[in-house]
Amino acid sequence: MAFKKTIGTLISGALLTSFLVGCTSGNEKEPEETANEPKEPPTEESLSPEEGAHLVLWDNGDEEAEWAAFVAEAFEETYGVPVELQEVGHTDAPTKLETDGPAGLGADVFNAAHDHLGKMVSAGLVYDNYYASDYKETFMDASVNGTSYLDQDGQLTMYGFPLAIETYALYYNKDIVEEPPSTWEELFTTAKTFQEESTNNERRFGFMMEPANFYYTHAFMAGYGGYVFGDQNTNAKDLGIDNEGAIQSGHFLASIHDELLPLAIEDITGDVISSFFNEGNLAYRISGPWDVRNHESAGVNFGVAPLPLLENGEAPQSFSGIKAYYVNSYSEYPKAATLLAQFASSEEMLLKRYEMTGQLPPVKALVENELIQQDEISTAFLEQALQAVPMPNMPEMISVWGPMQVAYTSIWNDGTDPEKALKAAREQIEDAIATLSP
């Protein structure tokens, strides 16, 4: 059960000590069984920076650090609150905060990957998003859902201030195919035509992906009606990885193997796929924006399009990852910290972030922004993001990746019946979840 630290309600009094997990005050660490009085949180009447506030912000390096510095400077000009930027990677920040937060050493605001949220909420490390109702109206559903988590009352509460959304889509070589396919039937047809041109000296493939990587294959499973956890990935007691739709997606994956990509899983690595595409010997591949510079540097004339429609007429639902700012619940200045997180995730700042980093803003209105629309590749990834499902942020998700990889490897390499393989995965996942600490 998640213990929620609420910005909007703490002002009326301290939370019950059972709801506080290892809270401390200032830089002096208290025994774990002793809960501190929480810092005074913002309310509608008091949401202005605390007197003498100064903040620490954790964010990634390189272009993201340059953007964060831009935000920090603009925020100080607007609110008069200085912000010290420290480089802490968004995948490292949650773990670092587990120790630095209670010790009073953690950042007031930090960037984190959304799939760490469940653990952060359970540990009482983050405040909820004070402006959640506004964000739910203006941000993409995937970014809202991904940065939300069930509280102790079973209510879905938003904690993050989304900064960027990332998902994968279909790369295609424009020198091989003129237009991207709108359906998988079309893709199969054009892919087969191209790979028929293979020779002994130059092998060609129409389509490639990493077929045992559940990060990618989830798109098919969800498109056919499968799911990981029930109730929009909030109920770990309801597994949908072996329902009728999921099984159908297993058969679809097997057809890709039989008709387009008859290689063993071990021979279809990301590097292998990249090499075939860069050499002009691959018509289509599935990947994310992280491969754009790779293929541009290789001089490939390529485009990116949303994943084609499945035979049931549904769009594949790719997994998405969301970077977001979170407010440290141990912050000495929660009002100023909340304002910084809101300021950084405004449309103006997220558009500037796109300009400086190329990372896609998860704001509905910015999908139609002229600057983004001028970039066909960005537009394609954003269109796919509208169909995306955020990777589950529940701690139980750690028990899913391995069994699903085993299942898909068995389907692909050994021709195992998808129903048998996925039911075996379900049993492994259930057993693994049962061993997790409550």
Protein backbone atom coordinates (compact mmCIF):
# COMPACT_ATOMS: atom_id res chain seq x y z
CA MET A 1 0.00 0.00 0.00
CA ALA A 2 1.32 3.45 -0.94
CA PHE A 3 1.66 6.17 1.67
CA LYS A 4 0.77 9.54 0.17
CA LYS A 5 2.42 12.78 1.21
CA THR A 6 -0.06 15.43 0.19
CA ILE A 7 0.84 19.01 -0.55
CA GLY A 8 -2.72 20.26 -0.26
CA THR A 9 -3.76 18.65 3.01
CA LEU A 10 -0.66 18.69 5.22
CA ILE A 11 -1.31 22.33 6.15
CA SER A 12 -4.21 21.31 8.37
CA GLY A 13 -1.93 19.22 10.59
CA ALA A 14 0.64 16.48 10.66
CA LEU A 15 -0.09 13.22 8.91
CA LEU A 16 -0.59 10.17 11.08
CA THR A 17 2.83 8.82 11.94
CA SER A 18 1.94 5.53 10.32
CA PHE A 19 1.71 7.37 7.03
CA LEU A 20 5.20 8.79 7.35
CA VAL A 21 8.10 6.58 6.32
CA GLY A 22 11.34 7.59 7.97
CA CYS A 23 10.70 11.37 7.84
CA THR A 24 13.31 13.67 9.39
CA SER A 25 13.79 17.37 9.86
CA GLY A 26 16.73 19.41 8.62
CA ASN A 27 20.06 17.65 8.42
CA GLU A 28 19.71 15.57 11.58
CA LYS A 29 18.49 12.04 11.01
CA GLU A 30 15.93 10.76 13.51
CA PRO A 31 15.28 7.11 14.39
CA GLU A 32 13.05 5.46 11.81
CA GLU A 33 10.22 4.91 14.26
CA THR A 34 9.99 8.65 15.02
CA ALA A 35 8.05 10.76 12.51
CA ASN A 36 8.81 14.46 12.16
CA GLU A 37 6.34 17.24 11.87
CA PRO A 38 5.98 17.79 8.10
CA LYS A 39 7.05 21.04 6.54
CA GLU A 40 4.24 23.51 5.95
CA PRO A 41 2.91 22.76 2.47
CA PRO A 42 1.38 25.12 -0.05
CA THR A 43 -2.31 26.00 0.06
CA GLU A 44 -4.36 28.15 -2.25
CA GLU A 45 -3.75 31.11 0.07
CA SER A 46 -0.05 30.48 0.67
CA LEU A 47 1.43 29.22 -2.60
CA SER A 48 4.33 31.62 -2.79
CA PRO A 49 7.99 30.94 -2.04
CA GLU A 50 8.97 30.68 1.60
CA GLU A 51 11.03 33.60 2.89
CA GLY A 52 14.73 32.92 2.36
CA ALA A 53 14.05 29.91 0.15
CA HIS A 54 16.90 28.50 -1.91
CA LEU A 55 16.58 25.28 -3.86
CA VAL A 56 18.69 22.41 -5.14
CA LEU A 57 17.71 20.80 -8.47
CA TRP A 58 18.93 17.42 -9.67
CA ASP A 59 18.92 16.73 -13.40
CA ASN A 60 20.85 14.94 -16.12
CA GLY A 61 23.99 16.28 -17.80
CA ASP A 62 24.70 17.58 -21.30
CA GLU A 63 21.82 19.27 -23.14
CA GLU A 64 19.37 18.55 -20.34
CA ALA A 65 21.70 20.28 -17.87
CA GLU A 66 21.85 23.30 -20.16
CA TRP A 67 18.06 23.45 -20.22
CA ALA A 68 17.82 23.00 -16.45
CA ALA A 69 20.26 25.88 -15.99
CA PHE A 70 18.10 28.01 -18.28
CA VAL A 71 15.05 27.16 -16.17
CA ALA A 72 16.88 27.86 -12.93
CA GLU A 73 17.98 31.30 -14.10
CA ALA A 74 14.51 32.20 -15.38
CA PHE A 75 12.91 30.95 -12.17
CA GLU A 76 15.19 33.10 -10.02
CA GLU A 77 14.42 36.13 -12.16
CA THR A 78 10.69 35.48 -11.75
CA TYR A 79 10.48 34.47 -8.08
CA GLY A 80 13.73 35.70 -6.58
CA VAL A 81 14.61 32.19 -5.43
CA PRO A 82 18.13 30.94 -6.29
CA VAL A 83 18.43 27.40 -7.63
CA GLU A 84 21.61 25.32 -7.44
CA LEU A 85 21.82 22.76 -10.22
CA GLN A 86 23.54 19.45 -9.46
CA GLU A 87 24.09 16.68 -12.00
CA VAL A 88 22.33 13.51 -10.86
CA GLY A 89 20.95 11.20 -13.53
CA HIS A 90 17.21 10.70 -13.65
CA THR A 91 17.58 6.94 -13.22
CA ASP A 92 19.91 7.40 -10.24
CA ALA A 93 18.01 10.12 -8.39
CA PRO A 94 15.32 7.94 -6.73
CA THR A 95 17.89 5.61 -5.15
CA LYS A 96 20.08 8.51 -4.07
CA LEU A 97 17.07 10.22 -2.48
CA GLU A 98 16.33 7.17 -0.32
CA THR A 99 19.36 8.07 1.79
CA ASP A 100 19.90 11.74 1.02
CA GLY A 101 16.25 12.72 1.55
CA PRO A 102 15.92 11.71 5.22
CA ALA A 103 19.41 13.10 5.87
CA GLY A 104 18.39 16.51 4.56
CA LEU A 105 20.86 16.29 1.68
CA GLY A 106 18.48 15.58 -1.19
CA ALA A 107 17.43 17.97 -3.93
CA ASP A 108 14.22 19.91 -3.45
CA VAL A 109 13.21 19.03 -6.99
CA PHE A 110 14.62 16.17 -9.05
CA ASN A 111 14.20 14.49 -12.42
CA ALA A 112 13.22 10.81 -12.30
CA ALA A 113 11.97 8.08 -14.60
CA HIS A 114 8.28 7.44 -14.03
CA ASP A 115 8.65 3.70 -13.50
CA HIS A 116 10.43 4.41 -10.17
CA LEU A 117 7.36 6.20 -8.82
CA GLY A 118 5.77 3.27 -6.96
CA LYS A 119 8.86 2.76 -4.87
CA MET A 120 9.21 6.49 -4.21
CA VAL A 121 5.62 6.84 -3.06
CA SER A 122 5.82 3.74 -0.86
CA ALA A 123 8.91 5.20 0.80
CA GLY A 124 7.23 8.57 1.34
CA LEU A 125 9.82 10.43 -0.70
CA VAL A 126 7.62 12.67 -2.87
CA TYR A 127 4.75 15.09 -2.56
CA ASP A 128 1.76 14.91 -4.87
CA ASN A 129 1.36 17.38 -7.74
CA TYR A 130 -0.51 20.33 -6.25
CA TYR A 131 -1.74 21.34 -9.73
CA ALA A 132 -2.83 17.84 -10.81
CA SER A 133 -6.27 18.89 -12.06
CA ASP A 134 -4.70 21.34 -14.51
CA TYR A 135 -2.15 18.81 -15.71
CA LYS A 136 -4.81 16.18 -16.34
CA GLU A 137 -6.51 18.56 -18.76
CA THR A 138 -3.47 19.70 -20.69
CA PHE A 139 -0.99 16.81 -20.66
CA MET A 140 -1.11 13.53 -22.59
CA ASP A 141 -2.90 10.72 -20.81
CA ALA A 142 0.21 8.55 -20.85
CA SER A 143 2.24 11.21 -19.04
CA VAL A 144 -0.50 11.77 -16.46
CA ASN A 145 -1.07 8.06 -15.81
CA GLY A 146 2.62 7.28 -15.75
CA THR A 147 3.31 9.88 -13.07
CA SER A 148 0.30 8.86 -10.95
CA TYR A 149 0.04 6.16 -8.30
CA LEU A 150 -2.59 4.63 -6.04
CA ASP A 151 -2.69 6.20 -2.59
CA GLN A 152 -3.63 4.46 0.65
CA ASP A 153 -7.32 5.09 -0.08
CA GLY A 154 -7.17 3.45 -3.49
CA GLN A 155 -7.31 6.80 -5.30
CA LEU A 156 -5.05 7.46 -8.27
CA THR A 157 -2.95 10.49 -7.33
CA MET A 158 -0.65 12.42 -9.65
CA TYR A 159 2.83 13.11 -8.26
CA GLY A 160 5.01 14.10 -11.21
CA PHE A 161 5.40 17.26 -13.25
CA PRO A 162 6.01 15.70 -16.71
CA LEU A 163 8.90 16.95 -18.82
CA ALA A 164 9.25 14.54 -21.73
CA ILE A 165 7.70 11.42 -23.20
CA GLU A 166 9.58 8.78 -25.13
CA THR A 167 8.32 5.84 -27.12
CA TYR A 168 9.23 3.85 -30.20
CA ALA A 169 7.81 3.84 -33.70
CA LEU A 170 8.50 2.49 -37.20
CA TYR A 171 11.67 3.54 -39.03
CA TYR A 172 11.60 3.03 -42.80
CA ASN A 173 14.20 3.48 -45.53
CA LYS A 174 12.83 5.98 -48.05
CA ASP A 175 15.09 4.61 -50.78
CA ILE A 176 13.36 1.25 -50.43
CA VAL A 177 9.75 2.21 -49.73
CA GLU A 178 8.15 5.46 -50.86
CA GLU A 179 5.51 5.71 -48.14
CA PRO A 180 5.22 4.07 -44.73
CA PRO A 181 2.61 1.30 -44.47
CA SER A 182 -0.66 2.07 -42.73
CA THR A 183 -1.31 -1.60 -41.86
CA TRP A 184 0.81 -4.60 -41.00
CA GLU A 185 -0.58 -6.36 -44.05
CA GLU A 186 1.01 -3.67 -46.21
CA LEU A 187 4.26 -3.93 -44.29
CA PHE A 188 4.44 -7.69 -44.78
CA THR A 189 3.89 -7.26 -48.53
CA THR A 190 6.57 -4.61 -49.09
CA ALA A 191 9.00 -6.28 -46.69
CA LYS A 192 8.75 -9.60 -48.52
CA THR A 193 9.30 -7.90 -51.87
CA PHE A 194 12.50 -6.28 -50.65
CA GLN A 195 13.98 -9.34 -48.98
CA GLU A 196 13.42 -11.41 -52.11
CA GLU A 197 16.30 -9.37 -53.55
CA SER A 198 18.73 -10.98 -51.11
CA THR A 199 21.83 -12.66 -52.52
CA ASN A 200 24.43 -14.94 -51.04
CA ASN A 201 26.79 -11.98 -50.75
CA GLU A 202 24.27 -9.48 -49.46
CA ARG A 203 21.44 -10.64 -47.24
CA ARG A 204 18.46 -8.30 -46.95
CA PHE A 205 15.58 -8.17 -44.53
CA GLY A 206 12.27 -6.45 -44.86
CA PHE A 207 11.68 -5.98 -41.13
CA MET A 208 13.58 -6.30 -37.87
CA MET A 209 12.89 -5.79 -34.18
CA GLU A 210 14.03 -7.34 -30.89
CA PRO A 211 11.32 -10.00 -30.57
CA ALA A 212 12.09 -11.15 -27.02
CA ASN A 213 12.17 -7.66 -25.55
CA PHE A 214 8.83 -7.06 -23.84
CA TYR A 215 9.41 -3.32 -24.03
CA TYR A 216 8.72 -3.65 -27.77
CA THR A 217 6.39 -6.65 -27.95
CA HIS A 218 3.98 -5.05 -25.49
CA ALA A 219 2.78 -2.91 -28.41
CA PHE A 220 1.31 -5.98 -30.09
CA MET A 221 0.01 -7.55 -26.89
CA ALA A 222 -1.87 -4.39 -25.90
CA GLY A 223 -3.05 -3.77 -29.46
CA TYR A 224 -4.77 -7.15 -29.47
CA GLY A 225 -6.31 -6.60 -26.03
CA GLY A 226 -3.72 -7.97 -23.62
CA TYR A 227 -2.37 -6.00 -20.68
CA VAL A 228 0.13 -6.32 -17.86
CA PHE A 229 -1.88 -5.37 -14.76
CA GLY A 230 -5.58 -4.66 -14.50
CA ASP A 231 -7.28 -1.33 -13.82
CA GLN A 232 -4.87 0.56 -16.09
CA ASN A 233 -1.78 -1.12 -14.67
CA THR A 234 -2.64 -0.46 -11.03
CA ASN A 235 -3.88 -3.91 -9.95
CA ALA A 236 -1.09 -6.49 -9.73
CA LYS A 237 -3.59 -9.21 -8.78
CA ASP A 238 -5.09 -9.05 -12.29
CA LEU A 239 -2.63 -10.23 -14.93
CA GLY A 240 -3.62 -9.95 -18.60
CA ILE A 241 -0.46 -11.31 -20.20
CA ASP A 242 -2.10 -14.59 -21.20
CA ASN A 243 -5.64 -13.53 -22.10
CA GLU A 244 -7.11 -14.14 -25.54
CA GLY A 245 -5.66 -10.94 -26.99
CA ALA A 246 -2.20 -11.60 -25.59
CA ILE A 247 -2.22 -15.11 -27.05
CA GLN A 248 -3.27 -13.70 -30.41
CA SER A 249 -0.33 -11.31 -30.28
CA GLY A 250 1.95 -14.30 -29.69
CA HIS A 251 0.69 -15.88 -32.91
CA PHE A 252 1.27 -12.57 -34.70
CA LEU A 253 4.86 -12.50 -33.46
CA ALA A 254 5.34 -16.07 -34.67
CA SER A 255 4.14 -15.00 -38.13
CA ILE A 256 6.83 -12.30 -38.21
CA HIS A 257 9.40 -14.99 -37.51
CA ASP A 258 8.06 -17.39 -40.13
CA GLU A 259 7.51 -14.87 -42.92
CA LEU A 260 9.98 -12.05 -42.36
CA LEU A 261 12.71 -12.75 -39.83
CA PRO A 262 13.71 -16.43 -39.54
CA LEU A 263 16.69 -15.79 -37.30
CA ALA A 264 17.32 -16.91 -33.73
CA ILE A 265 16.70 -14.39 -30.95
CA GLU A 266 20.42 -14.39 -30.15
CA ASP A 267 21.21 -13.13 -33.66
CA ILE A 268 18.81 -10.17 -33.55
CA THR A 269 20.53 -7.66 -31.30
CA GLY A 270 20.13 -3.92 -31.43
CA ASP A 271 23.59 -3.58 -32.98
CA VAL A 272 22.78 -6.11 -35.70
CA ILE A 273 19.52 -4.34 -36.56
CA SER A 274 21.27 -0.98 -36.63
CA SER A 275 23.97 -2.25 -38.96
CA PHE A 276 21.50 -3.70 -41.47
CA PHE A 277 19.53 -0.44 -41.52
CA ASN A 278 22.63 1.76 -41.86
CA GLU A 279 23.91 -0.39 -44.73
CA GLY A 280 20.66 -0.14 -46.66
CA ASN A 281 19.85 -3.82 -46.24
CA LEU A 282 16.77 -3.37 -44.05
CA ALA A 283 13.50 -1.74 -45.05
CA TYR A 284 11.80 -1.37 -41.65
CA ARG A 285 12.78 -1.47 -38.02
CA ILE A 286 11.17 -0.59 -34.70
CA SER A 287 13.13 1.72 -32.43
CA GLY A 288 12.95 4.98 -30.54
CA PRO A 289 14.35 8.50 -30.92
CA TRP A 290 17.68 7.34 -29.47
CA ASP A 291 18.53 5.90 -32.91
CA VAL A 292 17.84 9.05 -34.93
CA ARG A 293 21.36 10.45 -34.74
CA ASN A 294 22.81 7.01 -35.37
CA HIS A 295 21.02 6.66 -38.71
CA GLU A 296 21.50 10.30 -39.67
CA SER A 297 25.25 9.94 -39.13
CA ALA A 298 25.24 6.87 -41.38
CA GLY A 299 23.61 8.89 -44.14
CA VAL A 300 20.45 6.81 -44.31
CA ASN A 301 17.51 8.42 -46.10
CA PHE A 302 14.89 7.42 -43.58
CA GLY A 303 11.56 8.42 -42.15
CA VAL A 304 9.63 7.55 -39.02
CA ALA A 305 5.93 6.72 -38.80
CA PRO A 306 3.50 5.50 -36.14
CA LEU A 307 3.26 1.72 -35.87
CA PRO A 308 0.88 0.33 -38.52
CA LEU A 309 -2.62 -0.84 -37.63
CA LEU A 310 -3.05 -4.49 -36.70
CA GLU A 311 -5.44 -6.81 -38.49
CA ASN A 312 -8.12 -6.03 -35.90
CA GLY A 313 -7.98 -2.38 -36.94
CA GLU A 314 -6.36 -1.30 -33.66
CA ALA A 315 -3.14 0.65 -33.28
CA PRO A 316 -0.31 -1.09 -31.43
CA GLN A 317 0.09 0.44 -27.98
CA SER A 318 3.78 0.96 -27.43
CA PHE A 319 5.30 1.34 -24.02
CA SER A 320 6.29 4.90 -23.14
CA GLY A 321 8.71 6.33 -20.63
CA ILE A 322 8.13 9.68 -18.95
CA LYS A 323 10.73 11.95 -17.44
CA ALA A 324 9.25 14.21 -14.79
CA TYR A 325 10.21 16.50 -11.98
CA TYR A 326 9.16 15.49 -8.47
CA VAL A 327 9.10 17.47 -5.22
CA ASN A 328 11.10 15.92 -2.41
CA SER A 329 8.86 15.49 0.65
CA TYR A 330 11.84 16.31 2.89
CA SER A 331 12.35 19.70 1.24
CA GLU A 332 12.71 22.66 3.61
CA TYR A 333 10.89 24.77 1.02
CA PRO A 334 7.99 22.75 -0.45
CA LYS A 335 6.17 25.84 -1.70
CA ALA A 336 9.14 27.15 -3.65
CA ALA A 337 9.93 23.62 -4.85
CA THR A 338 6.38 23.13 -6.11
CA LEU A 339 6.54 26.42 -7.95
CA LEU A 340 9.85 25.42 -9.57
CA ALA A 341 8.43 22.08 -10.76
CA GLN A 342 5.38 23.85 -12.17
CA PHE A 343 7.48 26.58 -13.80
CA ALA A 344 9.78 24.03 -15.46
CA SER A 345 6.86 22.02 -16.87
CA SER A 346 5.03 25.00 -18.35
CA GLU A 347 4.38 24.98 -22.10
CA GLU A 348 6.95 27.73 -22.60
CA MET A 349 9.70 25.88 -20.78
CA LEU A 350 8.89 22.50 -22.34
CA LEU A 351 8.99 24.00 -25.82
CA LYS A 352 12.37 25.47 -24.94
CA ARG A 353 13.39 22.01 -23.69
CA TYR A 354 12.42 20.55 -27.06
CA GLU A 355 14.52 23.19 -28.82
CA MET A 356 17.55 22.45 -26.65
CA THR A 357 17.32 18.65 -26.26
CA GLY A 358 15.00 17.36 -28.98
CA GLN A 359 13.00 15.50 -26.31
CA LEU A 360 9.28 15.47 -26.90
CA PRO A 361 6.99 17.51 -24.61
CA PRO A 362 3.95 15.52 -23.38
CA VAL A 363 1.59 18.49 -23.73
CA LYS A 364 -1.43 18.00 -25.96
CA ALA A 365 -1.36 21.53 -27.38
CA LEU A 366 2.31 21.28 -28.35
CA VAL A 367 1.62 18.36 -30.69
CA GLU A 368 0.32 20.95 -33.13
CA ASN A 369 3.06 23.48 -32.44
CA GLU A 370 4.60 24.82 -35.64
CA LEU A 371 8.16 24.17 -34.51
CA ILE A 372 7.43 20.51 -33.79
CA GLN A 373 5.25 20.05 -36.87
CA GLN A 374 8.18 21.14 -39.03
CA ASP A 375 10.05 18.02 -37.92
CA GLU A 376 8.50 14.91 -39.47
CA ILE A 377 10.40 12.60 -37.15
CA SER A 378 9.30 14.37 -33.97
CA THR A 379 5.73 14.47 -35.23
CA ALA A 380 5.73 10.73 -35.90
CA PHE A 381 7.00 9.88 -32.41
CA LEU A 382 4.45 12.22 -30.84
CA GLU A 383 1.64 10.63 -32.84
CA GLN A 384 2.72 7.22 -31.57
CA ALA A 385 2.99 8.63 -28.05
CA LEU A 386 -0.72 9.43 -28.19
CA GLN A 387 -1.33 5.66 -28.50
CA ALA A 388 1.27 4.71 -25.93
CA VAL A 389 0.85 3.09 -22.53
CA PRO A 390 3.27 4.15 -19.80
CA MET A 391 5.40 1.34 -18.46
CA PRO A 392 3.80 0.21 -15.19
CA ASN A 393 5.33 2.06 -12.23
CA MET A 394 4.36 -0.57 -9.66
CA PRO A 395 7.22 -2.37 -7.85
CA GLU A 396 5.69 -5.66 -9.04
CA MET A 397 6.73 -4.84 -12.60
CA ILE A 398 10.25 -6.03 -11.85
CA SER A 399 8.81 -9.56 -11.76
CA VAL A 400 7.40 -9.28 -15.30
CA TRP A 401 10.33 -8.59 -17.60
CA GLY A 402 12.22 -11.88 -17.18
CA PRO A 403 9.32 -14.32 -17.60
CA MET A 404 8.02 -12.42 -20.62
CA GLN A 405 11.44 -12.57 -22.26
CA VAL A 406 11.52 -16.32 -21.67
CA ALA A 407 8.03 -16.72 -23.12
CA TYR A 408 8.74 -14.78 -26.29
CA THR A 409 12.07 -16.50 -26.78
CA SER A 410 10.30 -19.85 -26.54
CA ILE A 411 7.64 -18.78 -29.04
CA TRP A 412 10.24 -17.39 -31.44
CA ASN A 413 13.11 -19.86 -31.22
CA ASP A 414 11.30 -23.09 -30.39
CA GLY A 415 7.88 -22.60 -31.95
CA THR A 416 6.17 -23.08 -28.59
CA ASP A 417 2.44 -22.56 -28.66
CA PRO A 418 1.82 -18.96 -27.49
CA GLU A 419 -0.89 -20.00 -25.03
CA LYS A 420 1.43 -22.49 -23.35
CA ALA A 421 4.37 -20.06 -23.24
CA LEU A 422 2.35 -17.14 -21.87
CA LYS A 423 0.55 -19.21 -19.25
CA ALA A 424 3.94 -20.43 -18.04
CA ALA A 425 5.06 -16.79 -17.84
CA ARG A 426 1.96 -15.93 -15.84
CA GLU A 427 2.73 -18.64 -13.29
CA GLN A 428 6.33 -17.42 -12.94
CA ILE A 429 5.19 -13.82 -12.50
CA GLU A 430 2.57 -14.75 -9.90
CA ASP A 431 5.14 -16.75 -7.94
CA ALA A 432 7.65 -13.90 -8.10
CA ILE A 433 5.13 -11.29 -6.99
CA ALA A 434 4.10 -13.51 -4.07
CA THR A 435 7.66 -13.39 -2.75
CA LEU A 436 7.86 -9.59 -2.75
CA SER A 437 7.72 -7.85 0.59
CA PRO A 438 4.28 -6.37 1.29
